[in-house]
Amino acid sequence: MGRKRSRIEIVFKVLEILIQGETNPTKLATLVNMPYDRLVKLLRELEERKIIEMNSSRKTRFIRITDKGIRLYEELKKVLDLLDDYGLI
């Protein structure tokens, strides 16, 4: 079993998926490999911080990344790449 992912790595993975296009919470939970209830808590926090937007269309909720979220993704990518270069993650 590998090491536990950090919160930053989980947020990065969520943003990495959303940068490719909007999706729904169930599919995102599967792609992030995270329990649905834990993911929803994280999504609410990211929405409060205006990093993502959640929109409802009929019975389905869709999640998309905001401009602020794209900027965060780009900065996190730089930091995680640097940490990886030094063997710290």
N, C-alpha and C. Protein backbone atom coordinates (compact mmCIF):
# COMPACT_ATOMS: atom_id res chain seq x y z
N MET A 1 0.84 -1.19 0.00
CA MET A 1 0.00 0.00 0.00
C MET A 1 0.88 1.24 0.00
N GLY A 2 0.55 2.22 -0.83
CA GLY A 2 1.32 3.44 -0.94
C GLY A 2 1.04 4.39 0.19
N ARG A 3 1.70 5.52 0.14
CA ARG A 3 1.50 6.51 1.19
C ARG A 3 0.17 7.23 1.02
N LYS A 4 -0.29 7.82 2.09
CA LYS A 4 -1.55 8.56 2.08
C LYS A 4 -1.34 9.88 1.32
N ARG A 5 -2.30 10.23 0.48
CA ARG A 5 -2.21 11.49 -0.28
C ARG A 5 -2.45 12.68 0.64
N SER A 6 -1.72 13.74 0.38
CA SER A 6 -1.93 14.97 1.14
C SER A 6 -3.18 15.69 0.62
N ARG A 7 -3.68 16.58 1.42
CA ARG A 7 -4.85 17.38 1.02
C ARG A 7 -4.54 18.17 -0.26
N ILE A 8 -3.33 18.69 -0.35
CA ILE A 8 -2.93 19.45 -1.54
C ILE A 8 -2.97 18.56 -2.78
N GLU A 9 -2.49 17.33 -2.65
CA GLU A 9 -2.51 16.41 -3.79
C GLU A 9 -3.94 16.07 -4.21
N ILE A 10 -4.83 15.95 -3.24
CA ILE A 10 -6.23 15.65 -3.56
C ILE A 10 -6.88 16.85 -4.26
N VAL A 11 -6.66 18.04 -3.74
CA VAL A 11 -7.20 19.25 -4.38
C VAL A 11 -6.65 19.36 -5.80
N PHE A 12 -5.35 19.12 -5.95
CA PHE A 12 -4.73 19.19 -7.28
C PHE A 12 -5.39 18.19 -8.23
N LYS A 13 -5.62 16.97 -7.77
CA LYS A 13 -6.24 15.95 -8.62
C LYS A 13 -7.64 16.36 -9.04
N VAL A 14 -8.42 16.93 -8.11
CA VAL A 14 -9.76 17.42 -8.44
C VAL A 14 -9.67 18.48 -9.53
N LEU A 15 -8.78 19.45 -9.34
CA LEU A 15 -8.63 20.53 -10.32
C LEU A 15 -8.12 20.01 -11.65
N GLU A 16 -7.21 19.05 -11.60
CA GLU A 16 -6.65 18.46 -12.83
C GLU A 16 -7.76 17.80 -13.66
N ILE A 17 -8.69 17.16 -13.01
CA ILE A 17 -9.81 16.53 -13.71
C ILE A 17 -10.76 17.60 -14.25
N LEU A 18 -11.06 18.60 -13.43
CA LEU A 18 -12.02 19.63 -13.83
C LEU A 18 -11.47 20.53 -14.93
N ILE A 19 -10.17 20.66 -15.03
CA ILE A 19 -9.59 21.50 -16.08
C ILE A 19 -9.86 20.91 -17.46
N GLN A 20 -10.15 19.61 -17.49
CA GLN A 20 -10.46 18.93 -18.75
C GLN A 20 -11.92 19.10 -19.14
N GLY A 21 -12.74 19.58 -18.22
CA GLY A 21 -14.16 19.81 -18.50
C GLY A 21 -15.01 19.52 -17.29
N GLU A 22 -16.25 19.99 -17.34
CA GLU A 22 -17.14 19.80 -16.19
C GLU A 22 -17.53 18.33 -16.06
N THR A 23 -17.89 17.97 -14.84
CA THR A 23 -18.31 16.59 -14.55
C THR A 23 -19.29 16.62 -13.39
N ASN A 24 -19.81 15.46 -13.03
CA ASN A 24 -20.72 15.40 -11.88
C ASN A 24 -19.97 14.83 -10.67
N PRO A 25 -20.49 15.04 -9.46
CA PRO A 25 -19.79 14.62 -8.25
C PRO A 25 -19.51 13.11 -8.18
N THR A 26 -20.44 12.29 -8.64
CA THR A 26 -20.24 10.84 -8.57
C THR A 26 -19.07 10.40 -9.43
N LYS A 27 -19.03 10.89 -10.65
CA LYS A 27 -17.93 10.55 -11.55
C LYS A 27 -16.61 11.09 -11.01
N LEU A 28 -16.64 12.31 -10.48
CA LEU A 28 -15.43 12.91 -9.92
C LEU A 28 -14.91 12.09 -8.74
N ALA A 29 -15.80 11.62 -7.87
CA ALA A 29 -15.39 10.79 -6.73
C ALA A 29 -14.67 9.54 -7.21
N THR A 30 -15.17 8.94 -8.28
CA THR A 30 -14.54 7.75 -8.84
C THR A 30 -13.16 8.09 -9.41
N LEU A 31 -13.08 9.17 -10.17
CA LEU A 31 -11.82 9.55 -10.81
C LEU A 31 -10.75 9.95 -9.78
N VAL A 32 -11.20 10.59 -8.69
CA VAL A 32 -10.27 11.02 -7.64
C VAL A 32 -9.95 9.88 -6.68
N ASN A 33 -10.76 8.81 -6.76
CA ASN A 33 -10.61 7.65 -5.87
C ASN A 33 -10.79 8.08 -4.41
N MET A 34 -11.96 8.64 -4.15
CA MET A 34 -12.25 9.20 -2.84
C MET A 34 -13.72 8.93 -2.51
N PRO A 35 -14.04 8.63 -1.26
CA PRO A 35 -15.45 8.42 -0.90
C PRO A 35 -16.28 9.67 -1.23
N TYR A 36 -17.48 9.42 -1.73
CA TYR A 36 -18.37 10.50 -2.18
C TYR A 36 -18.60 11.54 -1.08
N ASP A 37 -18.89 11.10 0.14
CA ASP A 37 -19.21 12.04 1.21
C ASP A 37 -18.04 12.95 1.55
N ARG A 38 -16.83 12.40 1.54
CA ARG A 38 -15.63 13.23 1.80
C ARG A 38 -15.40 14.21 0.66
N LEU A 39 -15.61 13.75 -0.56
CA LEU A 39 -15.42 14.63 -1.72
C LEU A 39 -16.41 15.80 -1.68
N VAL A 40 -17.66 15.53 -1.34
CA VAL A 40 -18.67 16.58 -1.30
C VAL A 40 -18.28 17.67 -0.30
N LYS A 41 -17.74 17.28 0.84
CA LYS A 41 -17.27 18.27 1.83
C LYS A 41 -16.18 19.15 1.23
N LEU A 42 -15.23 18.52 0.53
CA LEU A 42 -14.15 19.27 -0.11
C LEU A 42 -14.70 20.19 -1.20
N LEU A 43 -15.64 19.69 -1.99
CA LEU A 43 -16.22 20.49 -3.06
C LEU A 43 -16.94 21.71 -2.51
N ARG A 44 -17.64 21.55 -1.41
CA ARG A 44 -18.33 22.70 -0.79
C ARG A 44 -17.32 23.77 -0.37
N GLU A 45 -16.21 23.32 0.21
CA GLU A 45 -15.17 24.27 0.62
C GLU A 45 -14.57 24.97 -0.60
N LEU A 46 -14.29 24.23 -1.65
CA LEU A 46 -13.73 24.83 -2.86
C LEU A 46 -14.72 25.79 -3.50
N GLU A 47 -16.00 25.48 -3.41
CA GLU A 47 -17.03 26.37 -3.96
C GLU A 47 -17.11 27.66 -3.13
N GLU A 48 -17.03 27.55 -1.82
CA GLU A 48 -17.06 28.73 -0.95
C GLU A 48 -15.89 29.66 -1.26
N ARG A 49 -14.77 29.08 -1.65
CA ARG A 49 -13.57 29.86 -1.98
C ARG A 49 -13.53 30.28 -3.45
N LYS A 50 -14.60 29.99 -4.17
CA LYS A 50 -14.74 30.38 -5.59
C LYS A 50 -13.70 29.72 -6.49
N ILE A 51 -13.27 28.52 -6.12
CA ILE A 51 -12.30 27.77 -6.92
C ILE A 51 -13.04 26.89 -7.93
N ILE A 52 -14.24 26.46 -7.56
CA ILE A 52 -15.10 25.70 -8.46
C ILE A 52 -16.50 26.29 -8.39
N GLU A 53 -17.33 25.91 -9.36
CA GLU A 53 -18.75 26.25 -9.34
C GLU A 53 -19.54 24.97 -9.48
N MET A 54 -20.62 24.85 -8.71
CA MET A 54 -21.52 23.70 -8.85
C MET A 54 -22.86 24.22 -9.37
N ASN A 55 -23.28 23.67 -10.49
CA ASN A 55 -24.54 24.06 -11.12
C ASN A 55 -25.47 22.87 -11.19
N SER A 56 -26.75 23.12 -10.99
CA SER A 56 -27.74 22.05 -11.09
C SER A 56 -28.51 22.19 -12.40
N SER A 57 -28.67 21.09 -13.07
CA SER A 57 -29.47 21.03 -14.29
C SER A 57 -30.41 19.85 -14.13
N ARG A 58 -31.66 20.12 -13.91
CA ARG A 58 -32.66 19.10 -13.60
C ARG A 58 -32.25 18.38 -12.32
N LYS A 59 -31.95 17.08 -12.43
CA LYS A 59 -31.59 16.30 -11.23
C LYS A 59 -30.08 16.14 -11.09
N THR A 60 -29.33 16.63 -12.05
CA THR A 60 -27.88 16.41 -12.05
C THR A 60 -27.14 17.67 -11.64
N ARG A 61 -26.10 17.49 -10.82
CA ARG A 61 -25.22 18.60 -10.47
C ARG A 61 -23.96 18.49 -11.31
N PHE A 62 -23.51 19.60 -11.82
CA PHE A 62 -22.27 19.64 -12.57
C PHE A 62 -21.29 20.55 -11.88
N ILE A 63 -20.04 20.17 -11.93
CA ILE A 63 -18.97 20.93 -11.29
C ILE A 63 -18.04 21.42 -12.37
N ARG A 64 -17.66 22.69 -12.28
CA ARG A 64 -16.68 23.21 -13.22
C ARG A 64 -15.68 24.08 -12.48
N ILE A 65 -14.50 24.19 -13.05
CA ILE A 65 -13.43 24.98 -12.46
C ILE A 65 -13.63 26.45 -12.86
N THR A 66 -13.31 27.37 -11.96
CA THR A 66 -13.40 28.80 -12.25
C THR A 66 -12.03 29.31 -12.69
N ASP A 67 -11.97 30.57 -13.09
CA ASP A 67 -10.68 31.18 -13.45
C ASP A 67 -9.73 31.15 -12.26
N LYS A 68 -10.26 31.42 -11.08
CA LYS A 68 -9.45 31.36 -9.86
C LYS A 68 -8.93 29.94 -9.64
N GLY A 69 -9.76 28.95 -9.92
CA GLY A 69 -9.35 27.55 -9.80
C GLY A 69 -8.27 27.19 -10.79
N ILE A 70 -8.35 27.73 -12.01
CA ILE A 70 -7.32 27.47 -13.02
C ILE A 70 -5.99 28.04 -12.56
N ARG A 71 -6.02 29.24 -12.01
CA ARG A 71 -4.77 29.85 -11.49
C ARG A 71 -4.19 29.01 -10.35
N LEU A 72 -5.06 28.53 -9.45
CA LEU A 72 -4.59 27.69 -8.35
C LEU A 72 -3.98 26.40 -8.89
N TYR A 73 -4.64 25.79 -9.87
CA TYR A 73 -4.12 24.57 -10.49
C TYR A 73 -2.71 24.80 -11.05
N GLU A 74 -2.53 25.89 -11.78
CA GLU A 74 -1.23 26.18 -12.39
C GLU A 74 -0.15 26.36 -11.33
N GLU A 75 -0.47 27.05 -10.24
CA GLU A 75 0.51 27.26 -9.17
C GLU A 75 0.81 25.95 -8.43
N LEU A 76 -0.21 25.17 -8.15
CA LEU A 76 0.00 23.88 -7.47
C LEU A 76 0.85 22.95 -8.33
N LYS A 77 0.63 22.99 -9.65
CA LYS A 77 1.41 22.14 -10.55
C LYS A 77 2.89 22.48 -10.45
N LYS A 78 3.21 23.77 -10.42
CA LYS A 78 4.61 24.19 -10.28
C LYS A 78 5.21 23.68 -8.97
N VAL A 79 4.48 23.86 -7.88
CA VAL A 79 4.97 23.44 -6.56
C VAL A 79 5.14 21.93 -6.50
N LEU A 80 4.15 21.18 -6.96
CA LEU A 80 4.23 19.72 -6.91
C LEU A 80 5.32 19.19 -7.82
N ASP A 81 5.51 19.81 -8.99
CA ASP A 81 6.61 19.40 -9.88
C ASP A 81 7.96 19.64 -9.21
N LEU A 82 8.11 20.77 -8.54
CA LEU A 82 9.35 21.08 -7.84
C LEU A 82 9.61 20.09 -6.71
N LEU A 83 8.59 19.80 -5.92
CA LEU A 83 8.74 18.83 -4.83
C LEU A 83 9.09 17.45 -5.37
N ASP A 84 8.49 17.09 -6.50
CA ASP A 84 8.79 15.80 -7.13
C ASP A 84 10.23 15.77 -7.63
N ASP A 85 10.70 16.87 -8.21
CA ASP A 85 12.08 16.95 -8.69
C ASP A 85 13.09 16.70 -7.57
N TYR A 86 12.75 17.13 -6.38
CA TYR A 86 13.63 16.95 -5.23
C TYR A 86 13.34 15.67 -4.45
N GLY A 87 12.43 14.86 -4.96
CA GLY A 87 12.12 13.59 -4.33
C GLY A 87 11.38 13.72 -3.01
N LEU A 88 10.67 14.81 -2.86
CA LEU A 88 9.97 15.04 -1.59
C LEU A 88 8.53 14.55 -1.60
N ILE A 89 8.05 14.16 -2.76
CA ILE A 89 6.71 13.53 -2.83
C ILE A 89 6.76 12.34 -3.76
